[in-house]
Amino acid sequence: MEIDLEANELAKKQELLKGIASAVATNLNELFKAGKLHAGQMLVIGASTSEVLGHQIGTAGAIEVAEQLYAGIKCVCDEHGLIPAFQCCEHLNRALVICGRSAEHFSLDPVGVVPIPKAGGSMAAYAYQHLADAVVVERVRAHAGIDIGSTLIGMHLREVAVPVRPSIRMIGDAYVTMAYTRPKLIGGSRAVYTSPSPCTT
């Protein structure tokens, strides 16, 4: 009986893993379109692999889940030229893993730490091992973001955040929320927020 339960759990996990990459890619393509994002903009990713598997955040991280999430994220970022920044867990103060060249481009100072599953989280640890020239930075101001499992990415988004409702609301057992950002509207009642048409004579 115990062997049957273990076999069922393993089969369920394998079935879940199959759909993760395509689900996250579908949602990110929706975010790209809704936010009118473009190449060179930064995407912050918060993901709890524990929550995806139906466990409390930070209690049952899984590298195999991180691998599938990373595959879907990389596919969309490569296609659209987005720069991914993977948020670590609270043990590293929600610092982020990012490509070294991108950190330099955005004038971000690297800090000296290596994320591991128990201090950083499985997603960040996996990204650190697979991103080219990966470094860790303390803070970013991303143009958009996806949060898988309520990891709280708001501290790394630019103002003003605009929520996007994904068509795939859950990945595994983790809720998915997304947002892009827009410039602040300033100036009050006299302000104009779209470029006027050129004058013609």
N, C-alpha and C. Protein backbone atom coordinates (compact mmCIF):
# COMPACT_ATOMS: atom_id res chain seq x y z
N MET A 1 0.83 -1.20 0.00
CA MET A 1 0.00 0.00 0.00
C MET A 1 0.87 1.26 0.00
N GLU A 2 1.89 1.27 0.84
CA GLU A 2 2.81 2.41 0.92
C GLU A 2 3.52 2.62 -0.41
N ILE A 3 3.91 1.53 -1.05
CA ILE A 3 4.59 1.60 -2.35
C ILE A 3 3.65 2.19 -3.40
N ASP A 4 2.35 1.81 -3.35
CA ASP A 4 1.37 2.34 -4.28
C ASP A 4 1.20 3.84 -4.11
N LEU A 5 1.16 4.31 -2.87
CA LEU A 5 1.03 5.74 -2.60
C LEU A 5 2.23 6.51 -3.14
N GLU A 6 3.42 5.98 -2.92
CA GLU A 6 4.63 6.62 -3.42
C GLU A 6 4.63 6.67 -4.95
N ALA A 7 4.19 5.58 -5.57
CA ALA A 7 4.13 5.51 -7.03
C ALA A 7 3.12 6.52 -7.57
N ASN A 8 1.99 6.65 -6.87
CA ASN A 8 0.97 7.62 -7.30
C ASN A 8 1.49 9.05 -7.18
N GLU A 9 2.18 9.33 -6.09
CA GLU A 9 2.74 10.67 -5.89
C GLU A 9 3.77 11.00 -6.96
N LEU A 10 4.61 10.01 -7.28
CA LEU A 10 5.63 10.21 -8.31
C LEU A 10 4.99 10.45 -9.67
N ALA A 11 3.96 9.68 -9.99
CA ALA A 11 3.25 9.84 -11.27
C ALA A 11 2.59 11.21 -11.36
N LYS A 12 2.00 11.65 -10.25
CA LYS A 12 1.36 12.96 -10.21
C LYS A 12 2.38 14.08 -10.42
N LYS A 13 3.53 13.92 -9.79
CA LYS A 13 4.59 14.93 -9.93
C LYS A 13 5.11 14.98 -11.35
N GLN A 14 5.31 13.83 -11.97
CA GLN A 14 5.79 13.78 -13.35
C GLN A 14 4.79 14.43 -14.30
N GLU A 15 3.51 14.20 -14.06
CA GLU A 15 2.46 14.81 -14.89
C GLU A 15 2.47 16.32 -14.74
N LEU A 16 2.64 16.79 -13.52
CA LEU A 16 2.71 18.22 -13.26
C LEU A 16 3.90 18.86 -13.97
N LEU A 17 5.05 18.20 -13.88
CA LEU A 17 6.27 18.76 -14.48
C LEU A 17 6.13 18.97 -15.98
N LYS A 18 5.38 18.08 -16.62
CA LYS A 18 5.23 18.15 -18.08
C LYS A 18 4.63 19.48 -18.55
N GLY A 19 3.74 20.05 -17.76
CA GLY A 19 3.02 21.24 -18.23
C GLY A 19 3.56 22.57 -17.75
N ILE A 20 4.58 22.55 -16.90
CA ILE A 20 5.04 23.79 -16.27
C ILE A 20 5.64 24.77 -17.28
N ALA A 21 6.55 24.30 -18.11
CA ALA A 21 7.26 25.19 -19.04
C ALA A 21 6.28 25.88 -19.99
N SER A 22 5.35 25.13 -20.55
CA SER A 22 4.41 25.72 -21.50
C SER A 22 3.45 26.68 -20.80
N ALA A 23 3.05 26.37 -19.56
CA ALA A 23 2.14 27.25 -18.82
C ALA A 23 2.78 28.60 -18.53
N VAL A 24 4.02 28.58 -18.05
CA VAL A 24 4.68 29.85 -17.73
C VAL A 24 4.98 30.63 -19.01
N ALA A 25 5.29 29.95 -20.10
CA ALA A 25 5.55 30.63 -21.37
C ALA A 25 4.27 31.28 -21.89
N THR A 26 3.14 30.59 -21.78
CA THR A 26 1.86 31.16 -22.21
C THR A 26 1.56 32.45 -21.44
N ASN A 27 1.72 32.40 -20.13
CA ASN A 27 1.44 33.58 -19.31
C ASN A 27 2.39 34.73 -19.63
N LEU A 28 3.65 34.43 -19.81
CA LEU A 28 4.62 35.50 -20.10
C LEU A 28 4.38 36.13 -21.47
N ASN A 29 3.96 35.34 -22.43
CA ASN A 29 3.62 35.92 -23.74
C ASN A 29 2.42 36.86 -23.61
N GLU A 30 1.46 36.51 -22.76
CA GLU A 30 0.32 37.39 -22.50
C GLU A 30 0.78 38.69 -21.84
N LEU A 31 1.69 38.58 -20.89
CA LEU A 31 2.23 39.75 -20.21
C LEU A 31 2.99 40.64 -21.19
N PHE A 32 3.78 40.04 -22.06
CA PHE A 32 4.54 40.78 -23.06
C PHE A 32 3.60 41.61 -23.94
N LYS A 33 2.51 40.98 -24.35
CA LYS A 33 1.55 41.65 -25.22
C LYS A 33 0.78 42.74 -24.46
N ALA A 34 0.29 42.42 -23.27
CA ALA A 34 -0.51 43.38 -22.50
C ALA A 34 0.29 44.62 -22.12
N GLY A 35 1.56 44.41 -21.77
CA GLY A 35 2.39 45.52 -21.34
C GLY A 35 3.12 46.24 -22.46
N LYS A 36 2.91 45.75 -23.70
CA LYS A 36 3.63 46.32 -24.86
C LYS A 36 5.13 46.41 -24.56
N LEU A 37 5.64 45.31 -24.03
CA LEU A 37 7.06 45.26 -23.67
C LEU A 37 7.91 45.16 -24.92
N HIS A 38 9.20 45.44 -24.77
CA HIS A 38 10.10 45.34 -25.92
C HIS A 38 11.48 44.89 -25.47
N ALA A 39 12.28 44.53 -26.42
CA ALA A 39 13.63 44.01 -26.14
C ALA A 39 14.42 44.99 -25.30
N GLY A 40 15.19 44.44 -24.37
CA GLY A 40 16.03 45.26 -23.51
C GLY A 40 15.37 45.62 -22.19
N GLN A 41 14.08 45.32 -22.03
CA GLN A 41 13.42 45.59 -20.77
C GLN A 41 13.59 44.41 -19.81
N MET A 42 13.47 44.73 -18.52
CA MET A 42 13.74 43.72 -17.49
C MET A 42 12.46 43.10 -16.96
N LEU A 43 12.51 41.80 -16.76
CA LEU A 43 11.40 41.01 -16.21
C LEU A 43 11.86 40.40 -14.90
N VAL A 44 11.17 40.70 -13.80
CA VAL A 44 11.50 40.08 -12.52
C VAL A 44 10.62 38.85 -12.33
N ILE A 45 11.25 37.78 -11.86
CA ILE A 45 10.56 36.51 -11.66
C ILE A 45 10.67 36.10 -10.20
N GLY A 46 9.52 35.95 -9.57
CA GLY A 46 9.47 35.36 -8.24
C GLY A 46 8.77 34.02 -8.37
N ALA A 47 9.36 32.98 -7.85
CA ALA A 47 8.74 31.66 -8.00
C ALA A 47 9.08 30.77 -6.80
N SER A 48 8.04 30.23 -6.20
CA SER A 48 8.20 29.25 -5.12
C SER A 48 7.95 27.86 -5.68
N THR A 49 8.99 27.07 -5.79
CA THR A 49 8.81 25.70 -6.27
C THR A 49 8.04 24.87 -5.24
N SER A 50 8.14 25.24 -3.98
CA SER A 50 7.36 24.55 -2.94
C SER A 50 5.87 24.74 -3.18
N GLU A 51 5.46 25.98 -3.45
CA GLU A 51 4.04 26.28 -3.68
C GLU A 51 3.52 25.56 -4.93
N VAL A 52 4.35 25.47 -5.96
CA VAL A 52 3.94 24.76 -7.17
C VAL A 52 3.58 23.31 -6.83
N LEU A 53 4.32 22.72 -5.91
CA LEU A 53 4.08 21.33 -5.51
C LEU A 53 3.03 21.19 -4.41
N GLY A 54 2.42 22.31 -4.01
CA GLY A 54 1.35 22.24 -3.01
C GLY A 54 1.81 22.32 -1.58
N HIS A 55 3.05 22.79 -1.36
CA HIS A 55 3.58 22.92 0.00
C HIS A 55 3.74 24.40 0.34
N GLN A 56 3.89 24.68 1.63
CA GLN A 56 4.08 26.06 2.06
C GLN A 56 5.40 26.59 1.53
N ILE A 57 5.38 27.84 1.12
CA ILE A 57 6.57 28.48 0.57
C ILE A 57 7.78 28.27 1.48
N GLY A 58 8.90 27.89 0.87
CA GLY A 58 10.14 27.73 1.62
C GLY A 58 10.32 26.42 2.33
N THR A 59 9.40 25.47 2.13
CA THR A 59 9.48 24.22 2.90
C THR A 59 9.83 22.99 2.09
N ALA A 60 9.65 23.03 0.76
CA ALA A 60 9.86 21.80 -0.03
C ALA A 60 10.32 22.14 -1.44
N GLY A 61 11.38 22.95 -1.52
CA GLY A 61 11.89 23.38 -2.82
C GLY A 61 12.29 22.20 -3.69
N ALA A 62 12.12 22.37 -5.00
CA ALA A 62 12.40 21.28 -5.93
C ALA A 62 13.12 21.81 -7.16
N ILE A 63 14.34 21.35 -7.36
CA ILE A 63 15.14 21.79 -8.51
C ILE A 63 14.47 21.39 -9.82
N GLU A 64 13.80 20.22 -9.85
CA GLU A 64 13.18 19.79 -11.11
C GLU A 64 12.05 20.72 -11.52
N VAL A 65 11.36 21.32 -10.54
CA VAL A 65 10.34 22.32 -10.85
C VAL A 65 11.01 23.60 -11.37
N ALA A 66 12.08 24.00 -10.70
CA ALA A 66 12.83 25.19 -11.14
C ALA A 66 13.34 25.01 -12.58
N GLU A 67 13.77 23.82 -12.91
CA GLU A 67 14.27 23.54 -14.25
C GLU A 67 13.19 23.79 -15.31
N GLN A 68 11.96 23.35 -15.02
CA GLN A 68 10.87 23.52 -15.97
C GLN A 68 10.43 24.99 -16.05
N LEU A 69 10.36 25.66 -14.92
CA LEU A 69 10.04 27.08 -14.92
C LEU A 69 11.08 27.86 -15.73
N TYR A 70 12.33 27.56 -15.48
CA TYR A 70 13.42 28.25 -16.17
C TYR A 70 13.32 28.05 -17.68
N ALA A 71 12.98 26.83 -18.10
CA ALA A 71 12.88 26.54 -19.54
C ALA A 71 11.83 27.42 -20.20
N GLY A 72 10.65 27.55 -19.57
CA GLY A 72 9.60 28.39 -20.13
C GLY A 72 9.96 29.86 -20.13
N ILE A 73 10.56 30.31 -19.04
CA ILE A 73 10.97 31.72 -18.92
C ILE A 73 12.05 32.05 -19.94
N LYS A 74 13.05 31.18 -20.08
CA LYS A 74 14.15 31.43 -21.01
C LYS A 74 13.63 31.49 -22.45
N CYS A 75 12.71 30.62 -22.78
CA CYS A 75 12.15 30.58 -24.13
C CYS A 75 11.55 31.94 -24.50
N VAL A 76 10.72 32.50 -23.61
CA VAL A 76 10.06 33.77 -23.89
C VAL A 76 11.06 34.93 -23.86
N CYS A 77 11.96 34.92 -22.89
CA CYS A 77 12.94 36.01 -22.80
C CYS A 77 13.86 36.01 -24.02
N ASP A 78 14.28 34.85 -24.46
CA ASP A 78 15.13 34.77 -25.66
C ASP A 78 14.38 35.25 -26.90
N GLU A 79 13.12 34.86 -27.01
CA GLU A 79 12.33 35.23 -28.19
C GLU A 79 12.12 36.74 -28.28
N HIS A 80 11.87 37.37 -27.14
CA HIS A 80 11.51 38.79 -27.14
C HIS A 80 12.64 39.71 -26.69
N GLY A 81 13.78 39.15 -26.32
CA GLY A 81 14.90 39.98 -25.89
C GLY A 81 14.73 40.60 -24.52
N LEU A 82 13.93 39.96 -23.66
CA LEU A 82 13.75 40.45 -22.30
C LEU A 82 14.90 39.99 -21.41
N ILE A 83 15.16 40.75 -20.36
CA ILE A 83 16.24 40.44 -19.43
C ILE A 83 15.64 39.89 -18.14
N PRO A 84 15.84 38.60 -17.85
CA PRO A 84 15.23 38.03 -16.64
C PRO A 84 16.07 38.32 -15.39
N ALA A 85 15.37 38.59 -14.29
CA ALA A 85 16.01 38.75 -12.98
C ALA A 85 15.24 37.85 -12.01
N PHE A 86 15.91 36.86 -11.45
CA PHE A 86 15.26 35.84 -10.62
C PHE A 86 15.40 36.20 -9.14
N GLN A 87 14.27 36.43 -8.49
CA GLN A 87 14.29 36.84 -7.10
C GLN A 87 14.62 35.68 -6.17
N CYS A 88 15.52 35.94 -5.24
CA CYS A 88 15.85 34.97 -4.19
C CYS A 88 14.80 35.04 -3.09
N CYS A 89 14.89 34.10 -2.16
CA CYS A 89 13.94 34.08 -1.05
C CYS A 89 14.36 35.08 0.03
N GLU A 90 13.57 35.15 1.09
CA GLU A 90 13.80 36.15 2.12
C GLU A 90 15.13 35.98 2.85
N HIS A 91 15.70 34.76 2.84
CA HIS A 91 16.97 34.55 3.54
C HIS A 91 18.10 35.35 2.91
N LEU A 92 17.95 35.71 1.64
CA LEU A 92 18.91 36.59 0.98
C LEU A 92 18.28 37.96 0.71
N ASN A 93 17.29 38.31 1.53
CA ASN A 93 16.63 39.62 1.44
C ASN A 93 16.03 39.90 0.08
N ARG A 94 15.59 38.84 -0.60
CA ARG A 94 14.98 38.95 -1.92
C ARG A 94 15.88 39.62 -2.95
N ALA A 95 17.18 39.36 -2.81
CA ALA A 95 18.13 39.79 -3.84
C ALA A 95 17.81 39.04 -5.13
N LEU A 96 18.51 39.38 -6.21
CA LEU A 96 18.14 38.82 -7.52
C LEU A 96 19.35 38.29 -8.27
N VAL A 97 19.11 37.22 -9.02
CA VAL A 97 20.12 36.64 -9.91
C VAL A 97 19.89 37.21 -11.30
N ILE A 98 20.95 37.73 -11.90
CA ILE A 98 20.85 38.37 -13.20
C ILE A 98 22.16 38.14 -13.96
N CYS A 99 22.09 38.22 -15.26
CA CYS A 99 23.28 38.09 -16.09
C CYS A 99 24.24 39.25 -15.79
N GLY A 100 25.52 38.96 -15.69
CA GLY A 100 26.51 39.97 -15.36
C GLY A 100 26.52 41.15 -16.32
N ARG A 101 26.38 40.87 -17.59
CA ARG A 101 26.38 41.95 -18.59
C ARG A 101 25.17 42.86 -18.40
N SER A 102 24.03 42.27 -18.06
CA SER A 102 22.83 43.07 -17.82
C SER A 102 22.99 43.91 -16.56
N ALA A 103 23.60 43.35 -15.53
CA ALA A 103 23.85 44.11 -14.31
C ALA A 103 24.71 45.34 -14.61
N GLU A 104 25.72 45.15 -15.44
CA GLU A 104 26.58 46.26 -15.82
C GLU A 104 25.81 47.29 -16.63
N HIS A 105 24.97 46.83 -17.55
CA HIS A 105 24.18 47.73 -18.39
C HIS A 105 23.26 48.62 -17.55
N PHE A 106 22.66 48.04 -16.50
CA PHE A 106 21.74 48.80 -15.64
C PHE A 106 22.45 49.44 -14.44
N SER A 107 23.78 49.41 -14.44
CA SER A 107 24.58 50.00 -13.36
C SER A 107 24.22 49.42 -11.99
N LEU A 108 24.09 48.09 -11.94
CA LEU A 108 23.78 47.39 -10.70
C LEU A 108 25.05 46.79 -10.12
N ASP A 109 25.27 47.01 -8.85
CA ASP A 109 26.47 46.48 -8.19
C ASP A 109 26.24 45.06 -7.70
N PRO A 110 27.05 44.09 -8.15
CA PRO A 110 26.92 42.72 -7.63
C PRO A 110 27.30 42.64 -6.16
N VAL A 111 26.70 41.67 -5.47
CA VAL A 111 27.05 41.38 -4.09
C VAL A 111 27.63 39.97 -4.03
N GLY A 112 28.37 39.68 -2.96
CA GLY A 112 29.09 38.42 -2.87
C GLY A 112 28.31 37.34 -2.16
N VAL A 113 27.46 36.64 -2.89
CA VAL A 113 26.73 35.52 -2.32
C VAL A 113 26.37 34.56 -3.45
N VAL A 114 26.28 33.27 -3.12
CA VAL A 114 25.87 32.26 -4.08
C VAL A 114 24.56 31.65 -3.60
N PRO A 115 23.46 31.85 -4.32
CA PRO A 115 22.19 31.25 -3.89
C PRO A 115 22.23 29.73 -3.95
N ILE A 116 21.69 29.10 -2.91
CA ILE A 116 21.52 27.66 -2.87
C ILE A 116 20.06 27.40 -2.51
N PRO A 117 19.55 26.20 -2.72
CA PRO A 117 18.12 25.97 -2.45
C PRO A 117 17.66 26.37 -1.05
N LYS A 118 18.49 26.16 -0.04
CA LYS A 118 18.08 26.47 1.34
C LYS A 118 18.33 27.91 1.73
N ALA A 119 19.05 28.66 0.93
CA ALA A 119 19.31 30.08 1.20
C ALA A 119 19.38 30.80 -0.13
N GLY A 120 18.21 31.13 -0.62
CA GLY A 120 18.09 31.75 -1.93
C GLY A 120 16.90 31.19 -2.67
N GLY A 121 16.67 29.88 -2.47
CA GLY A 121 15.54 29.22 -3.11
C GLY A 121 15.96 28.43 -4.33
N SER A 122 15.20 27.41 -4.66
CA SER A 122 15.54 26.52 -5.77
C SER A 122 15.55 27.26 -7.11
N MET A 123 14.59 28.19 -7.31
CA MET A 123 14.53 28.91 -8.58
C MET A 123 15.78 29.76 -8.78
N ALA A 124 16.13 30.54 -7.79
CA ALA A 124 17.31 31.40 -7.89
C ALA A 124 18.59 30.58 -7.99
N ALA A 125 18.65 29.49 -7.23
CA ALA A 125 19.83 28.63 -7.27
C ALA A 125 20.02 28.03 -8.66
N TYR A 126 18.92 27.60 -9.27
CA TYR A 126 18.99 27.02 -10.61
C TYR A 126 19.40 28.09 -11.62
N ALA A 127 18.80 29.26 -11.51
CA ALA A 127 19.14 30.35 -12.44
C ALA A 127 20.61 30.74 -12.32
N TYR A 128 21.13 30.75 -11.09
CA TYR A 128 22.53 31.12 -10.88
C TYR A 128 23.47 30.15 -11.60
N GLN A 129 23.08 28.89 -11.65
CA GLN A 129 23.90 27.87 -12.29
C GLN A 129 23.77 27.89 -13.82
N HIS A 130 22.71 28.50 -14.34
CA HIS A 130 22.44 28.38 -15.78
C HIS A 130 22.46 29.70 -16.55
N LEU A 131 22.34 30.83 -15.87
CA LEU A 131 22.46 32.11 -16.57
C LEU A 131 23.92 32.36 -16.92
N ALA A 132 24.14 32.96 -18.07
CA ALA A 132 25.51 33.30 -18.47
C ALA A 132 26.08 34.35 -17.53
N ASP A 133 27.26 34.07 -16.97
CA ASP A 133 27.96 35.05 -16.13
C ASP A 133 27.05 35.60 -15.03
N ALA A 134 26.37 34.70 -14.33
CA ALA A 134 25.38 35.12 -13.34
C ALA A 134 26.02 35.85 -12.16
N VAL A 135 25.34 36.89 -11.71
CA VAL A 135 25.71 37.61 -10.49
C VAL A 135 24.45 37.83 -9.67
N VAL A 136 24.63 38.25 -8.43
CA VAL A 136 23.51 38.59 -7.56
C VAL A 136 23.56 40.08 -7.27
N VAL A 137 22.40 40.73 -7.38
CA VAL A 137 22.29 42.15 -7.05
C VAL A 137 21.19 42.31 -6.01
N GLU A 138 21.24 43.41 -5.27
CA GLU A 138 20.29 43.57 -4.17
C GLU A 138 18.93 44.09 -4.60
N ARG A 139 18.88 44.85 -5.68
CA ARG A 139 17.63 45.50 -6.05
C ARG A 139 17.62 45.80 -7.54
N VAL A 140 16.44 45.71 -8.14
CA VAL A 140 16.26 46.15 -9.53
C VAL A 140 14.97 46.97 -9.60
N ARG A 141 14.77 47.63 -10.74
CA ARG A 141 13.51 48.32 -11.02
C ARG A 141 13.03 47.78 -12.36
N ALA A 142 12.32 46.67 -12.29
CA ALA A 142 11.93 45.95 -13.50
C ALA A 142 10.71 46.57 -14.17
N HIS A 143 10.63 46.36 -15.48
CA HIS A 143 9.52 46.88 -16.27
C HIS A 143 8.26 46.03 -16.14
N ALA A 144 8.43 44.77 -15.74
CA ALA A 144 7.30 43.85 -15.60
C ALA A 144 7.74 42.69 -14.72
N GLY A 145 6.76 41.89 -14.30
CA GLY A 145 7.12 40.76 -13.46
C GLY A 145 6.04 39.71 -13.39
N ILE A 146 6.46 38.51 -13.03
CA ILE A 146 5.54 37.40 -12.78
C ILE A 146 5.87 36.81 -11.41
N ASP A 147 4.82 36.52 -10.66
CA ASP A 147 4.97 35.99 -9.31
C ASP A 147 4.21 34.67 -9.24
N ILE A 148 4.94 33.59 -9.04
CA ILE A 148 4.36 32.25 -9.00
C ILE A 148 4.47 31.74 -7.57
N GLY A 149 3.34 31.78 -6.86
CA GLY A 149 3.35 31.29 -5.49
C GLY A 149 3.44 32.38 -4.43
N SER A 150 3.02 33.59 -4.77
CA SER A 150 2.95 34.70 -3.79
C SER A 150 4.28 34.97 -3.10
N THR A 151 5.32 35.17 -3.91
CA THR A 151 6.65 35.45 -3.37
C THR A 151 6.90 36.93 -3.12
N LEU A 152 5.99 37.79 -3.58
CA LEU A 152 6.03 39.24 -3.34
C LEU A 152 7.19 39.91 -4.09
N ILE A 153 6.93 40.22 -5.36
CA ILE A 153 7.96 40.84 -6.21
C ILE A 153 7.83 42.35 -6.31
N GLY A 154 6.80 42.92 -5.64
CA GLY A 154 6.51 44.35 -5.81
C GLY A 154 7.67 45.28 -5.53
N MET A 155 8.54 44.90 -4.60
CA MET A 155 9.67 45.76 -4.25
C MET A 155 10.65 45.92 -5.39
N HIS A 156 10.54 45.09 -6.42
CA HIS A 156 11.47 45.16 -7.55
C HIS A 156 10.82 45.65 -8.84
N LEU A 157 9.59 46.17 -8.75
CA LEU A 157 8.92 46.71 -9.93
C LEU A 157 9.00 48.23 -9.94
N ARG A 158 9.09 48.79 -11.13
CA ARG A 158 9.00 50.24 -11.26
C ARG A 158 7.57 50.70 -10.94
N GLU A 159 7.45 51.98 -10.71
CA GLU A 159 6.11 52.56 -10.60
C GLU A 159 5.64 52.92 -12.01
N VAL A 160 4.43 52.77 -12.35
CA VAL A 160 3.26 52.33 -11.58
C VAL A 160 2.90 50.93 -12.07
N ALA A 161 2.65 49.99 -11.15
CA ALA A 161 2.34 48.61 -11.54
C ALA A 161 0.90 48.49 -12.01
N VAL A 162 0.73 47.76 -13.12
CA VAL A 162 -0.59 47.51 -13.69
C VAL A 162 -0.81 46.00 -13.71
N PRO A 163 -1.76 45.47 -12.92
CA PRO A 163 -1.96 44.02 -12.87
C PRO A 163 -2.44 43.46 -14.21
N VAL A 164 -2.01 42.24 -14.51
CA VAL A 164 -2.47 41.50 -15.68
C VAL A 164 -2.97 40.15 -15.19
N ARG A 165 -4.19 39.81 -15.57
CA ARG A 165 -4.76 38.53 -15.17
C ARG A 165 -4.36 37.46 -16.18
N PRO A 166 -3.57 36.48 -15.77
CA PRO A 166 -3.14 35.45 -16.73
C PRO A 166 -4.26 34.47 -17.06
N SER A 167 -4.22 33.89 -18.23
CA SER A 167 -5.22 32.88 -18.58
C SER A 167 -5.02 31.60 -17.79
N ILE A 168 -3.76 31.32 -17.42
CA ILE A 168 -3.47 30.16 -16.57
C ILE A 168 -3.22 30.69 -15.17
N ARG A 169 -4.26 30.63 -14.33
CA ARG A 169 -4.22 31.28 -13.02
C ARG A 169 -3.35 30.55 -12.00
N MET A 170 -3.12 29.25 -12.24
CA MET A 170 -2.30 28.48 -11.31
C MET A 170 -1.31 27.62 -12.08
N ILE A 171 -0.10 27.52 -11.57
CA ILE A 171 0.89 26.59 -12.08
C ILE A 171 1.11 25.58 -10.96
N GLY A 172 0.67 24.36 -11.19
CA GLY A 172 0.61 23.40 -10.09
C GLY A 172 -0.39 23.93 -9.08
N ASP A 173 0.03 24.05 -7.83
CA ASP A 173 -0.82 24.59 -6.77
C ASP A 173 -0.48 26.03 -6.44
N ALA A 174 0.34 26.69 -7.26
CA ALA A 174 0.78 28.05 -6.98
C ALA A 174 -0.03 29.07 -7.77
N TYR A 175 -0.56 30.06 -7.08
CA TYR A 175 -1.25 31.16 -7.75
C TYR A 175 -0.26 31.99 -8.55
N VAL A 176 -0.72 32.48 -9.70
CA VAL A 176 0.13 33.30 -10.56
C VAL A 176 -0.44 34.71 -10.63
N THR A 177 0.39 35.70 -10.36
CA THR A 177 0.02 37.09 -10.57
C THR A 177 1.10 37.73 -11.44
N MET A 178 0.68 38.72 -12.23
CA MET A 178 1.62 39.38 -13.15
C MET A 178 1.32 40.87 -13.17
N ALA A 179 2.31 41.64 -13.57
CA ALA A 179 2.11 43.08 -13.74
C ALA A 179 3.14 43.63 -14.70
N TYR A 180 2.74 44.66 -15.41
CA TYR A 180 3.71 45.49 -16.13
C TYR A 180 3.67 46.87 -15.49
N THR A 181 4.56 47.74 -15.85
CA THR A 181 4.59 49.07 -15.25
C THR A 181 4.44 50.14 -16.33
N ARG A 182 3.95 51.27 -15.91
CA ARG A 182 3.81 52.42 -16.81
C ARG A 182 4.36 53.66 -16.13
N PRO A 183 4.71 54.69 -16.91
CA PRO A 183 5.17 55.94 -16.29
C PRO A 183 4.06 56.58 -15.47
N LYS A 184 4.43 57.35 -14.44
CA LYS A 184 3.45 58.11 -13.68
C LYS A 184 2.82 59.17 -14.58
N LEU A 185 1.54 59.43 -14.37
CA LEU A 185 0.86 60.52 -15.05
C LEU A 185 0.91 61.74 -14.13
N ILE A 186 1.49 62.82 -14.60
CA ILE A 186 1.65 64.00 -13.74
C ILE A 186 1.03 65.22 -14.43
N GLY A 187 0.75 66.26 -13.65
CA GLY A 187 0.36 67.53 -14.25
C GLY A 187 -1.07 67.95 -14.03
N GLY A 188 -1.94 67.04 -13.62
CA GLY A 188 -3.31 67.44 -13.33
C GLY A 188 -4.16 67.67 -14.56
N SER A 189 -5.22 68.50 -14.40
CA SER A 189 -6.27 68.62 -15.42
C SER A 189 -5.79 69.23 -16.73
N ARG A 190 -4.72 70.01 -16.72
CA ARG A 190 -4.24 70.64 -17.95
C ARG A 190 -3.27 69.76 -18.73
N ALA A 191 -2.84 68.70 -18.11
CA ALA A 191 -1.80 67.87 -18.74
C ALA A 191 -2.35 67.09 -19.92
N VAL A 192 -1.45 66.82 -20.87
CA VAL A 192 -1.78 66.00 -22.03
C VAL A 192 -0.92 64.75 -21.97
N TYR A 193 -1.50 63.59 -22.22
CA TYR A 193 -0.77 62.33 -22.04
C TYR A 193 -0.50 61.58 -23.34
N THR A 194 -0.93 62.14 -24.45
CA THR A 194 -0.57 61.56 -25.75
C THR A 194 0.02 62.65 -26.62
N SER A 195 0.93 62.28 -27.50
CA SER A 195 1.58 63.27 -28.35
C SER A 195 0.55 63.88 -29.29
N PRO A 196 0.53 65.24 -29.39
CA PRO A 196 -0.41 65.87 -30.32
C PRO A 196 -0.05 65.57 -31.76
N SER A 197 -1.05 65.61 -32.62
CA SER A 197 -0.79 65.41 -34.04
C SER A 197 0.03 66.57 -34.57
N PRO A 198 0.94 66.30 -35.53
CA PRO A 198 1.73 67.39 -36.08
C PRO A 198 0.84 68.40 -36.80
N CYS A 199 1.22 69.66 -36.71
CA CYS A 199 0.44 70.71 -37.38
C CYS A 199 0.61 70.59 -38.88
N THR A 200 -0.47 70.80 -39.60
CA THR A 200 -0.38 70.80 -41.07
C THR A 200 -0.86 72.16 -41.57
N THR A 201 -0.27 72.61 -42.63
CA THR A 201 -0.66 73.91 -43.19
C THR A 201 -1.22 73.73 -44.58
